[in-house]
PDB file of N, CA and C in Angstrom:
ATOM      1  N   GLN A   1      -2.368  -2.413 -17.305  1.00  0.00           N
ATOM      2  CA  GLN A   1      -1.680  -1.505 -16.413  1.00  0.00           C
ATOM      3  C   GLN A   1      -1.233  -0.250 -17.176  1.00  0.00           C
ATOM      4  N   ALA A   2      -0.769  -0.412 -18.383  1.00  0.00           N
ATOM      5  CA  ALA A   2      -0.326   0.735 -19.170  1.00  0.00           C
ATOM      6  C   ALA A   2      -1.463   1.715 -19.430  1.00  0.00           C
ATOM      7  N   ALA A   3      -2.698   1.215 -19.502  1.00  0.00           N
ATOM      8  CA  ALA A   3      -3.848   2.075 -19.739  1.00  0.00           C
ATOM      9  C   ALA A   3      -4.407   2.664 -18.451  1.00  0.00           C
ATOM     10  N   GLY A   4      -3.805   2.344 -17.314  1.00  0.00           N
ATOM     11  CA  GLY A   4      -4.252   2.902 -16.043  1.00  0.00           C
ATOM     12  C   GLY A   4      -5.386   2.141 -15.386  1.00  0.00           C
ATOM     13  N   GLY A   5      -5.718   0.968 -15.891  1.00  0.00           N
ATOM     14  CA  GLY A   5      -6.812   0.186 -15.328  1.00  0.00           C
ATOM     15  C   GLY A   5      -6.422  -0.601 -14.094  1.00  0.00           C
ATOM     16  N   LEU A   6      -5.162  -0.948 -13.970  1.00  0.00           N
ATOM     17  CA  LEU A   6      -4.671  -1.701 -12.819  1.00  0.00           C
ATOM     18  C   LEU A   6      -3.508  -0.961 -12.191  1.00  0.00           C
ATOM     19  N   SER A   7      -3.471  -0.994 -10.878  1.00  0.00           N
ATOM     20  CA  SER A   7      -2.310  -0.414 -10.199  1.00  0.00           C
ATOM     21  C   SER A   7      -1.465  -1.487  -9.546  1.00  0.00           C
ATOM     22  N   ARG A   8      -2.095  -2.619  -9.193  1.00  0.00           N
ATOM     23  CA  ARG A   8      -1.349  -3.667  -8.512  1.00  0.00           C
ATOM     24  C   ARG A   8      -2.160  -4.949  -8.518  1.00  0.00           C
ATOM     25  N   ILE A   9      -1.466  -6.065  -8.652  1.00  0.00           N
ATOM     26  CA  ILE A   9      -2.061  -7.381  -8.469  1.00  0.00           C
ATOM     27  C   ILE A   9      -1.205  -8.089  -7.438  1.00  0.00           C
ATOM     28  N   GLY A  10      -1.848  -8.646  -6.427  1.00  0.00           N
ATOM     29  CA  GLY A  10      -1.095  -9.352  -5.396  1.00  0.00           C
ATOM     30  C   GLY A  10      -1.995 -10.284  -4.615  1.00  0.00           C
ATOM     31  N   PRO A  11      -1.388 -11.153  -3.857  1.00  0.00           N
ATOM     32  CA  PRO A  11      -2.165 -12.108  -3.073  1.00  0.00           C
ATOM     33  C   PRO A  11      -2.774 -11.451  -1.835  1.00  0.00           C
ATOM     34  N   VAL A  12      -3.812 -12.056  -1.322  1.00  0.00           N
ATOM     35  CA  VAL A  12      -4.410 -11.661  -0.060  1.00  0.00           C
ATOM     36  C   VAL A  12      -4.237 -12.823   0.895  1.00  0.00           C
ATOM     37  N   PHE A  13      -3.601 -12.580   2.027  1.00  0.00           N
ATOM     38  CA  PHE A  13      -3.323 -13.624   2.994  1.00  0.00           C
ATOM     39  C   PHE A  13      -4.249 -13.488   4.197  1.00  0.00           C
ATOM     40  N   GLU A  14      -4.567 -14.589   4.802  1.00  0.00           N
ATOM     41  CA  GLU A  14      -5.305 -14.584   6.062  1.00  0.00           C
ATOM     42  C   GLU A  14      -4.315 -14.153   7.134  1.00  0.00           C
ATOM     43  N   HIS A  15      -4.349 -12.871   7.498  1.00  0.00           N
ATOM     44  CA  HIS A  15      -3.321 -12.285   8.362  1.00  0.00           C
ATOM     45  C   HIS A  15      -3.223 -12.961   9.721  1.00  0.00           C
ATOM     46  N   SER A  16      -4.316 -13.451  10.249  1.00  0.00           N
ATOM     47  CA  SER A  16      -4.265 -14.048  11.584  1.00  0.00           C
ATOM     48  C   SER A  16      -3.471 -15.354  11.610  1.00  0.00           C
ATOM     49  N   ARG A  17      -3.261 -15.956  10.465  1.00  0.00           N
ATOM     50  CA  ARG A  17      -2.469 -17.192  10.409  1.00  0.00           C
ATOM     51  C   ARG A  17      -0.978 -16.890  10.341  1.00  0.00           C
ATOM     52  N   ALA A  18      -0.642 -15.653  10.076  1.00  0.00           N
ATOM     53  CA  ALA A  18       0.767 -15.277   9.933  1.00  0.00           C
ATOM     54  C   ALA A  18       1.261 -14.431  11.095  1.00  0.00           C
ATOM     55  N   GLY A  19       0.451 -14.234  12.116  1.00  0.00           N
ATOM     56  CA  GLY A  19       0.854 -13.407  13.243  1.00  0.00           C
ATOM     57  C   GLY A  19      -0.283 -12.510  13.668  1.00  0.00           C
ATOM     58  N   ALA A  20       0.041 -11.265  13.945  1.00  0.00           N
ATOM     59  CA  ALA A  20      -0.948 -10.299  14.420  1.00  0.00           C
ATOM     60  C   ALA A  20      -0.851  -9.031  13.587  1.00  0.00           C
ATOM     61  N   SER A  21      -1.965  -8.302  13.535  1.00  0.00           N
ATOM     62  CA  SER A  21      -1.956  -7.020  12.848  1.00  0.00           C
ATOM     63  C   SER A  21      -3.052  -6.145  13.441  1.00  0.00           C
ATOM     64  N   THR A  22      -2.926  -4.855  13.182  1.00  0.00           N
ATOM     65  CA  THR A  22      -3.953  -3.911  13.602  1.00  0.00           C
ATOM     66  C   THR A  22      -3.894  -2.685  12.708  1.00  0.00           C
ATOM     67  N   LEU A  23      -5.032  -2.058  12.531  1.00  0.00           N
ATOM     68  CA  LEU A  23      -5.107  -0.774  11.855  1.00  0.00           C
ATOM     69  C   LEU A  23      -4.857   0.298  12.910  1.00  0.00           C
ATOM     70  N   VAL A  24      -4.037   1.273  12.581  1.00  0.00           N
ATOM     71  CA  VAL A  24      -3.663   2.323  13.529  1.00  0.00           C
ATOM     72  C   VAL A  24      -3.907   3.677  12.881  1.00  0.00           C
ATOM     73  N   ALA A  25      -4.389   4.623  13.683  1.00  0.00           N
ATOM     74  CA  ALA A  25      -4.551   5.993  13.220  1.00  0.00           C
ATOM     75  C   ALA A  25      -3.882   6.940  14.205  1.00  0.00           C
ATOM     76  N   LEU A  26      -3.296   7.990  13.679  1.00  0.00           N
ATOM     77  CA  LEU A  26      -2.679   9.033  14.494  1.00  0.00           C
ATOM     78  C   LEU A  26      -3.267  10.382  14.099  1.00  0.00           C
ATOM     79  N   ALA A  27      -3.487  11.225  15.080  1.00  0.00           N
ATOM     80  CA  ALA A  27      -3.890  12.610  14.835  1.00  0.00           C
ATOM     81  C   ALA A  27      -2.612  13.443  14.866  1.00  0.00           C
ATOM     82  N   VAL A  28      -2.076  13.729  13.699  1.00  0.00           N
ATOM     83  CA  VAL A  28      -0.775  14.390  13.581  1.00  0.00           C
ATOM     84  C   VAL A  28      -0.977  15.856  13.211  1.00  0.00           C
ATOM     85  N   PRO A  29      -0.388  16.767  13.976  1.00  0.00           N
ATOM     86  CA  PRO A  29      -0.451  18.181  13.577  1.00  0.00           C
ATOM     87  C   PRO A  29       0.161  18.360  12.184  1.00  0.00           C
ATOM     88  N   GLU A  30      -0.475  19.189  11.378  1.00  0.00           N
ATOM     89  CA  GLU A  30      -0.052  19.409   9.992  1.00  0.00           C
ATOM     90  C   GLU A  30       1.457  19.680   9.878  1.00  0.00           C
ATOM     91  N   ALA A  31       1.975  20.490  10.757  1.00  0.00           N
ATOM     92  CA  ALA A  31       3.393  20.870  10.694  1.00  0.00           C
ATOM     93  C   ALA A  31       4.330  19.690  10.949  1.00  0.00           C
ATOM     94  N   ARG A  32       3.821  18.602  11.529  1.00  0.00           N
ATOM     95  CA  ARG A  32       4.664  17.443  11.851  1.00  0.00           C
ATOM     96  C   ARG A  32       4.420  16.242  10.948  1.00  0.00           C
ATOM     97  N   LEU A  33       3.539  16.372   9.966  1.00  0.00           N
ATOM     98  CA  LEU A  33       3.161  15.218   9.147  1.00  0.00           C
ATOM     99  C   LEU A  33       4.354  14.532   8.493  1.00  0.00           C
ATOM    100  N   GLU A  34       5.199  15.272   7.829  1.00  0.00           N
ATOM    101  CA  GLU A  34       6.342  14.670   7.138  1.00  0.00           C
ATOM    102  C   GLU A  34       7.261  13.952   8.128  1.00  0.00           C
ATOM    103  N   GLN A  35       7.540  14.591   9.249  1.00  0.00           N
ATOM    104  CA  GLN A  35       8.422  14.019  10.262  1.00  0.00           C
ATOM    105  C   GLN A  35       7.834  12.732  10.839  1.00  0.00           C
ATOM    106  N   VAL A  36       6.564  12.771  11.218  1.00  0.00           N
ATOM    107  CA  VAL A  36       5.933  11.594  11.834  1.00  0.00           C
ATOM    108  C   VAL A  36       5.781  10.482  10.801  1.00  0.00           C
ATOM    109  N   ALA A  37       5.385  10.810   9.589  1.00  0.00           N
ATOM    110  CA  ALA A  37       5.244   9.794   8.544  1.00  0.00           C
ATOM    111  C   ALA A  37       6.582   9.112   8.270  1.00  0.00           C
ATOM    112  N   ALA A  38       7.653   9.879   8.248  1.00  0.00           N
ATOM    113  CA  ALA A  38       8.975   9.284   8.037  1.00  0.00           C
ATOM    114  C   ALA A  38       9.334   8.332   9.171  1.00  0.00           C
ATOM    115  N   ARG A  39       9.021   8.704  10.389  1.00  0.00           N
ATOM    116  CA  ARG A  39       9.305   7.822  11.543  1.00  0.00           C
ATOM    117  C   ARG A  39       8.479   6.544  11.450  1.00  0.00           C
ATOM    118  N   ILE A  40       7.189   6.680  11.136  1.00  0.00           N
ATOM    119  CA  ILE A  40       6.316   5.512  11.007  1.00  0.00           C
ATOM    120  C   ILE A  40       6.811   4.603   9.885  1.00  0.00           C
ATOM    121  N   ASN A  41       7.182   5.191   8.765  1.00  0.00           N
ATOM    122  CA  ASN A  41       7.643   4.405   7.619  1.00  0.00           C
ATOM    123  C   ASN A  41       8.954   3.681   7.895  1.00  0.00           C
ATOM    124  N   ALA A  42       9.689   4.082   8.914  1.00  0.00           N
ATOM    125  CA  ALA A  42      10.950   3.419   9.243  1.00  0.00           C
ATOM    126  C   ALA A  42      10.737   2.054   9.896  1.00  0.00           C
ATOM    127  N   PHE A  43       9.538   1.799  10.400  1.00  0.00           N
ATOM    128  CA  PHE A  43       9.249   0.499  11.002  1.00  0.00           C
ATOM    129  C   PHE A  43       9.002  -0.524   9.896  1.00  0.00           C
ATOM    130  N   PRO A  44       9.750  -1.626   9.883  1.00  0.00           N
ATOM    131  CA  PRO A  44       9.495  -2.643   8.847  1.00  0.00           C
ATOM    132  C   PRO A  44       8.124  -3.311   9.003  1.00  0.00           C
ATOM    133  N   GLU A  45       7.525  -3.187  10.164  1.00  0.00           N
ATOM    134  CA  GLU A  45       6.214  -3.796  10.418  1.00  0.00           C
ATOM    135  C   GLU A  45       5.047  -2.955   9.893  1.00  0.00           C
ATOM    136  N   VAL A  46       5.329  -1.794   9.309  1.00  0.00           N
ATOM    137  CA  VAL A  46       4.273  -0.885   8.834  1.00  0.00           C
ATOM    138  C   VAL A  46       4.044  -1.078   7.344  1.00  0.00           C
ATOM    139  N   ASN A  47       2.762  -1.135   6.989  1.00  0.00           N
ATOM    140  CA  ASN A  47       2.389  -1.104   5.573  1.00  0.00           C
ATOM    141  C   ASN A  47       1.067  -0.363   5.433  1.00  0.00           C
ATOM    142  N   HIS A  48       0.638  -0.130   4.220  1.00  0.00           N
ATOM    143  CA  HIS A  48      -0.623   0.567   3.957  1.00  0.00           C
ATOM    144  C   HIS A  48      -0.702   1.905   4.697  1.00  0.00           C
ATOM    145  N   ASN A  49       0.297   2.736   4.582  1.00  0.00           N
ATOM    146  CA  ASN A  49       0.332   4.028   5.260  1.00  0.00           C
ATOM    147  C   ASN A  49      -0.342   5.075   4.368  1.00  0.00           C
ATOM    148  N   TYR A  50      -1.399   5.719   4.899  1.00  0.00           N
ATOM    149  CA  TYR A  50      -2.174   6.673   4.108  1.00  0.00           C
ATOM    150  C   TYR A  50      -2.423   7.962   4.879  1.00  0.00           C
ATOM    151  N   LEU A  51      -2.452   9.063   4.143  1.00  0.00           N
ATOM    152  CA  LEU A  51      -2.884  10.349   4.687  1.00  0.00           C
ATOM    153  C   LEU A  51      -4.377  10.475   4.429  1.00  0.00           C
ATOM    154  N   ARG A  52      -5.133  10.879   5.439  1.00  0.00           N
ATOM    155  CA  ARG A  52      -6.588  11.031   5.335  1.00  0.00           C
ATOM    156  C   ARG A  52      -6.995  12.452   5.732  1.00  0.00           C
ATOM    157  N   GLU A  53      -8.118  12.890   5.247  1.00  0.00           N
ATOM    158  CA  GLU A  53      -8.673  14.192   5.611  1.00  0.00           C
ATOM    159  C   GLU A  53      -9.600  13.998   6.806  1.00  0.00           C
ATOM    160  N   HIS A  54      -9.036  14.008   7.972  1.00  0.00           N
ATOM    161  CA  HIS A  54      -9.775  13.743   9.205  1.00  0.00           C
ATOM    162  C   HIS A  54      -8.875  14.169  10.350  1.00  0.00           C
ATOM    163  N   ARG A  55      -9.441  14.308  11.544  1.00  0.00           N
ATOM    164  CA  ARG A  55      -8.596  14.587  12.717  1.00  0.00           C
ATOM    165  C   ARG A  55      -7.531  13.512  12.843  1.00  0.00           C
ATOM    166  N   TYR A  56      -7.931  12.253  12.708  1.00  0.00           N
ATOM    167  CA  TYR A  56      -6.954  11.157  12.623  1.00  0.00           C
ATOM    168  C   TYR A  56      -6.537  11.082  11.165  1.00  0.00           C
ATOM    169  N   ASN A  57      -5.411  11.707  10.858  1.00  0.00           N
ATOM    170  CA  ASN A  57      -5.038  11.911   9.464  1.00  0.00           C
ATOM    171  C   ASN A  57      -3.965  10.972   8.928  1.00  0.00           C
ATOM    172  N   LEU A  58      -3.310  10.209   9.780  1.00  0.00           N
ATOM    173  CA  LEU A  58      -2.298   9.265   9.313  1.00  0.00           C
ATOM    174  C   LEU A  58      -2.731   7.862   9.737  1.00  0.00           C
ATOM    175  N   TRP A  59      -2.984   7.015   8.750  1.00  0.00           N
ATOM    176  CA  TRP A  59      -3.493   5.663   8.985  1.00  0.00           C
ATOM    177  C   TRP A  59      -2.514   4.655   8.421  1.00  0.00           C
ATOM    178  N   PHE A  60      -2.294   3.562   9.150  1.00  0.00           N
ATOM    179  CA  PHE A  60      -1.379   2.525   8.672  1.00  0.00           C
ATOM    180  C   PHE A  60      -1.712   1.202   9.343  1.00  0.00           C
ATOM    181  N   VAL A  61      -1.170   0.130   8.788  1.00  0.00           N
ATOM    182  CA  VAL A  61      -1.344  -1.204   9.339  1.00  0.00           C
ATOM    183  C   VAL A  61      -0.020  -1.654   9.934  1.00  0.00           C
ATOM    184  N   LEU A  62      -0.090  -2.148  11.162  1.00  0.00           N
ATOM    185  CA  LEU A  62       1.066  -2.734  11.841  1.00  0.00           C
ATOM    186  C   LEU A  62       0.923  -4.245  11.824  1.00  0.00           C
ATOM    187  N   THR A  63       1.985  -4.944  11.526  1.00  0.00           N
ATOM    188  CA  THR A  63       1.978  -6.405  11.579  1.00  0.00           C
ATOM    189  C   THR A  63       3.132  -6.879  12.441  1.00  0.00           C
ATOM    190  N   GLY A  64       2.977  -8.050  13.011  1.00  0.00           N
ATOM    191  CA  GLY A  64       4.034  -8.617  13.839  1.00  0.00           C
ATOM    192  C   GLY A  64       3.745 -10.072  14.142  1.00  0.00           C
ATOM    193  N   PRO A  65       4.676 -10.740  14.805  1.00  0.00           N
ATOM    194  CA  PRO A  65       4.502 -12.163  15.081  1.00  0.00           C
ATOM    195  C   PRO A  65       3.396 -12.471  16.091  1.00  0.00           C
ATOM    196  N   ASP A  66       3.084 -11.493  16.967  1.00  0.00           N
ATOM    197  CA  ASP A  66       2.039 -11.713  17.968  1.00  0.00           C
ATOM    198  C   ASP A  66       1.556 -10.364  18.498  1.00  0.00           C
ATOM    199  N   ARG A  67       0.488 -10.396  19.283  1.00  0.00           N
ATOM    200  CA  ARG A  67      -0.100  -9.151  19.789  1.00  0.00           C
ATOM    201  C   ARG A  67       0.853  -8.408  20.720  1.00  0.00           C
ATOM    202  N   ALA A  68       1.656  -9.139  21.484  1.00  0.00           N
ATOM    203  CA  ALA A  68       2.613  -8.479  22.379  1.00  0.00           C
ATOM    204  C   ALA A  68       3.591  -7.612  21.581  1.00  0.00           C
ATOM    205  N   HIS A  69       3.999  -8.092  20.421  1.00  0.00           N
ATOM    206  CA  HIS A  69       4.902  -7.319  19.565  1.00  0.00           C
ATOM    207  C   HIS A  69       4.207  -6.042  19.085  1.00  0.00           C
ATOM    208  N   ILE A  70       2.947  -6.169  18.672  1.00  0.00           N
ATOM    209  CA  ILE A  70       2.167  -5.001  18.244  1.00  0.00           C
ATOM    210  C   ILE A  70       2.071  -3.990  19.382  1.00  0.00           C
ATOM    211  N   ASP A  71       1.791  -4.467  20.585  1.00  0.00           N
ATOM    212  CA  ASP A  71       1.666  -3.570  21.742  1.00  0.00           C
ATOM    213  C   ASP A  71       2.972  -2.831  22.015  1.00  0.00           C
ATOM    214  N   ARG A  72       4.107  -3.520  21.857  1.00  0.00           N
ATOM    215  CA  ARG A  72       5.410  -2.861  22.040  1.00  0.00           C
ATOM    216  C   ARG A  72       5.624  -1.782  20.981  1.00  0.00           C
ATOM    217  N   LEU A  73       5.240  -2.079  19.744  1.00  0.00           N
ATOM    218  CA  LEU A  73       5.377  -1.089  18.668  1.00  0.00           C
ATOM    219  C   LEU A  73       4.496   0.130  18.920  1.00  0.00           C
ATOM    220  N   LEU A  74       3.263  -0.098  19.362  1.00  0.00           N
ATOM    221  CA  LEU A  74       2.366   1.020  19.659  1.00  0.00           C
ATOM    222  C   LEU A  74       2.942   1.905  20.760  1.00  0.00           C
ATOM    223  N   ALA A  75       3.508   1.279  21.799  1.00  0.00           N
ATOM    224  CA  ALA A  75       4.127   2.049  22.887  1.00  0.00           C
ATOM    225  C   ALA A  75       5.340   2.827  22.378  1.00  0.00           C
ATOM    226  N   GLU A  76       6.127   2.208  21.495  1.00  0.00           N
ATOM    227  CA  GLU A  76       7.301   2.889  20.938  1.00  0.00           C
ATOM    228  C   GLU A  76       6.883   4.070  20.063  1.00  0.00           C
ATOM    229  N   ILE A  77       5.850   3.883  19.262  1.00  0.00           N
ATOM    230  CA  ILE A  77       5.351   4.973  18.418  1.00  0.00           C
ATOM    231  C   ILE A  77       4.874   6.129  19.283  1.00  0.00           C
ATOM    232  N   GLU A  78       4.152   5.816  20.340  1.00  0.00           N
ATOM    233  CA  GLU A  78       3.679   6.878  21.237  1.00  0.00           C
ATOM    234  C   GLU A  78       4.851   7.599  21.900  1.00  0.00           C
ATOM    235  N   ALA A  79       5.836   6.836  22.371  1.00  0.00           N
ATOM    236  CA  ALA A  79       6.999   7.453  23.024  1.00  0.00           C
ATOM    237  C   ALA A  79       7.800   8.308  22.033  1.00  0.00           C
ATOM    238  N   ASP A  80       7.961   7.830  20.808  1.00  0.00           N
ATOM    239  CA  ASP A  80       8.754   8.541  19.795  1.00  0.00           C
ATOM    240  C   ASP A  80       8.068   9.807  19.289  1.00  0.00           C
ATOM    241  N   THR A  81       6.742   9.750  19.148  1.00  0.00           N
ATOM    242  CA  THR A  81       6.026  10.861  18.506  1.00  0.00           C
ATOM    243  C   THR A  81       5.294  11.759  19.491  1.00  0.00           C
ATOM    244  N   GLY A  82       5.019  11.242  20.698  1.00  0.00           N
ATOM    245  CA  GLY A  82       4.200  11.980  21.647  1.00  0.00           C
ATOM    246  C   GLY A  82       2.720  11.962  21.280  1.00  0.00           C
ATOM    247  N   LEU A  83       2.357  11.133  20.317  1.00  0.00           N
ATOM    248  CA  LEU A  83       0.976  11.023  19.852  1.00  0.00           C
ATOM    249  C   LEU A  83       0.410   9.671  20.277  1.00  0.00           C
ATOM    250  N   VAL A  84      -0.835   9.662  20.695  1.00  0.00           N
ATOM    251  CA  VAL A  84      -1.460   8.419  21.156  1.00  0.00           C
ATOM    252  C   VAL A  84      -2.074   7.686  19.965  1.00  0.00           C
ATOM    253  N   PRO A  85      -1.570   6.491  19.651  1.00  0.00           N
ATOM    254  CA  PRO A  85      -2.135   5.741  18.530  1.00  0.00           C
ATOM    255  C   PRO A  85      -3.552   5.250  18.835  1.00  0.00           C
ATOM    256  N   LEU A  86      -4.416   5.356  17.850  1.00  0.00           N
ATOM    257  CA  LEU A  86      -5.743   4.766  17.917  1.00  0.00           C
ATOM    258  C   LEU A  86      -5.597   3.360  17.349  1.00  0.00           C
ATOM    259  N   ASP A  87      -5.736   2.363  18.192  1.00  0.00           N
ATOM    260  CA  ASP A  87      -5.525   0.949  17.856  1.00  0.00           C
ATOM    261  C   ASP A  87      -6.867   0.340  17.468  1.00  0.00           C
ATOM    262  N   LEU A  88      -6.986  -0.107  16.231  1.00  0.00           N
ATOM    263  CA  LEU A  88      -8.251  -0.613  15.706  1.00  0.00           C
ATOM    264  C   LEU A  88      -8.089  -2.039  15.157  1.00  0.00           C
ATOM    265  N   PRO A  89      -7.906  -3.019  16.039  1.00  0.00           N
ATOM    266  CA  PRO A  89      -7.756  -4.393  15.542  1.00  0.00           C
ATOM    267  C   PRO A  89      -9.063  -4.894  14.920  1.00  0.00           C
ATOM    268  N   MET A  90      -8.923  -5.754  13.939  1.00  0.00           N
ATOM    269  CA  MET A  90     -10.100  -6.310  13.281  1.00  0.00           C
ATOM    270  C   MET A  90     -10.869  -7.197  14.260  1.00  0.00           C
ATOM    271  N   GLN A  91     -12.156  -6.994  14.338  1.00  0.00           N
ATOM    272  CA  GLN A  91     -13.016  -7.806  15.197  1.00  0.00           C
ATOM    273  C   GLN A  91     -13.616  -8.978  14.436  1.00  0.00           C
ATOM    274  N   GLN A  92     -14.021  -8.729  13.188  1.00  0.00           N
ATOM    275  CA  GLN A  92     -14.629  -9.771  12.376  1.00  0.00           C
ATOM    276  C   GLN A  92     -14.345  -9.467  10.915  1.00  0.00           C
ATOM    277  N   ALA A  93     -13.989 -10.482  10.171  1.00  0.00           N
ATOM    278  CA  ALA A  93     -13.736 -10.318   8.741  1.00  0.00           C
ATOM    279  C   ALA A  93     -15.025 -10.521   7.956  1.00  0.00           C
ATOM    280  N   PHE A  94     -15.239  -9.685   6.971  1.00  0.00           N
ATOM    281  CA  PHE A  94     -16.343  -9.843   6.036  1.00  0.00           C
ATOM    282  C   PHE A  94     -15.719 -10.004   4.667  1.00  0.00           C
ATOM    283  N   ARG A  95     -15.850 -11.164   4.111  1.00  0.00           N
ATOM    284  CA  ARG A  95     -15.177 -11.486   2.851  1.00  0.00           C
ATOM    285  C   ARG A  95     -16.111 -11.267   1.656  1.00  0.00           C
ATOM    286  N   ILE A  96     -15.534 -10.704   0.621  1.00  0.00           N
ATOM    287  CA  ILE A  96     -16.231 -10.635  -0.654  1.00  0.00           C
ATOM    288  C   ILE A  96     -15.301 -11.262  -1.678  1.00  0.00           C
ATOM    289  N   ASP A  97     -15.870 -11.887  -2.659  1.00  0.00           N
ATOM    290  CA  ASP A  97     -15.065 -12.541  -3.690  1.00  0.00           C
ATOM    291  C   ASP A  97     -14.750 -11.526  -4.778  1.00  0.00           C
ATOM    292  N   LEU A  98     -13.497 -11.149  -4.857  1.00  0.00           N
ATOM    293  CA  LEU A  98     -13.064 -10.235  -5.910  1.00  0.00           C
ATOM    294  C   LEU A  98     -12.193 -10.960  -6.917  1.00  0.00           C
ATOM    295  N   GLY A  99     -12.508 -12.229  -7.148  1.00  0.00           N
ATOM    296  CA  GLY A  99     -11.736 -13.005  -8.106  1.00  0.00           C
ATOM    297  C   GLY A  99     -11.987 -12.526  -9.528  1.00  0.00           C
ATOM    298  N   PHE A 100     -10.936 -12.299 -10.248  1.00  0.00           N
ATOM    299  CA  PHE A 100     -11.024 -11.869 -11.632  1.00  0.00           C
ATOM    300  C   PHE A 100     -10.252 -12.859 -12.485  1.00  0.00           C
ATOM    301  N   PRO A 101     -10.797 -13.256 -13.631  1.00  0.00           N
ATOM    302  CA  PRO A 101     -10.042 -14.144 -14.522  1.00  0.00           C
ATOM    303  C   PRO A 101      -8.819 -13.393 -15.064  1.00  0.00           C
ATOM    304  N   LEU A 102      -7.683 -14.061 -15.077  1.00  0.00           N
ATOM    305  CA  LEU A 102      -6.461 -13.411 -15.574  1.00  0.00           C
ATOM    306  C   LEU A 102      -6.071 -13.897 -16.952  1.00  0.00           C
ATOM    307  N   GLY A 103      -6.792 -14.863 -17.439  1.00  0.00           N
ATOM    308  CA  GLY A 103      -6.489 -15.376 -18.777  1.00  0.00           C
ATOM    309  C   GLY A 103      -7.177 -14.568 -19.860  1.00  0.00           C
ATOM    310  N   ASP A 104      -7.151 -15.078 -21.080  1.00  0.00           N
ATOM    311  CA  ASP A 104      -7.789 -14.423 -22.213  1.00  0.00           C
ATOM    312  C   ASP A 104      -9.297 -14.439 -22.022  1.00  0.00           C
ATOM    313  N   VAL A 105      -9.935 -13.289 -22.006  1.00  0.00           N
ATOM    314  CA  VAL A 105     -11.374 -13.184 -21.733  1.00  0.00           C
ATOM    315  C   VAL A 105     -12.135 -12.599 -22.934  1.00  0.00           C
ATOM    316  N   ARG A 106     -11.779 -12.985 -24.104  1.00  0.00           N
ATOM    317  CA  ARG A 106     -12.427 -12.444 -25.313  1.00  0.00           C
ATOM    318  C   ARG A 106     -13.872 -12.769 -25.372  1.00  0.00           C
TER     319      ARG A 106
END
């Protein structure tokens, strides 16, 4: 990590076993990016919030106990921001094995 080779190590969970989640994108006017990002970041259910170079420029993941909770959050985000969220729930998972040995690999 000190050499810049790693930024984070963490577990990967099967999200569908822990509730519901969806990838969300918003098309935010440049002048409102900071304001909207701050509002989105205030939701404890939001993670993986990224700025992208695209019409849909603010992307994040919403998680919750069930789909109804996600739907309520999407409606609240739309009401709060005046922006229509693009809701992109996962249809099918494609797994790749990214297992790396963490022990001594001399």
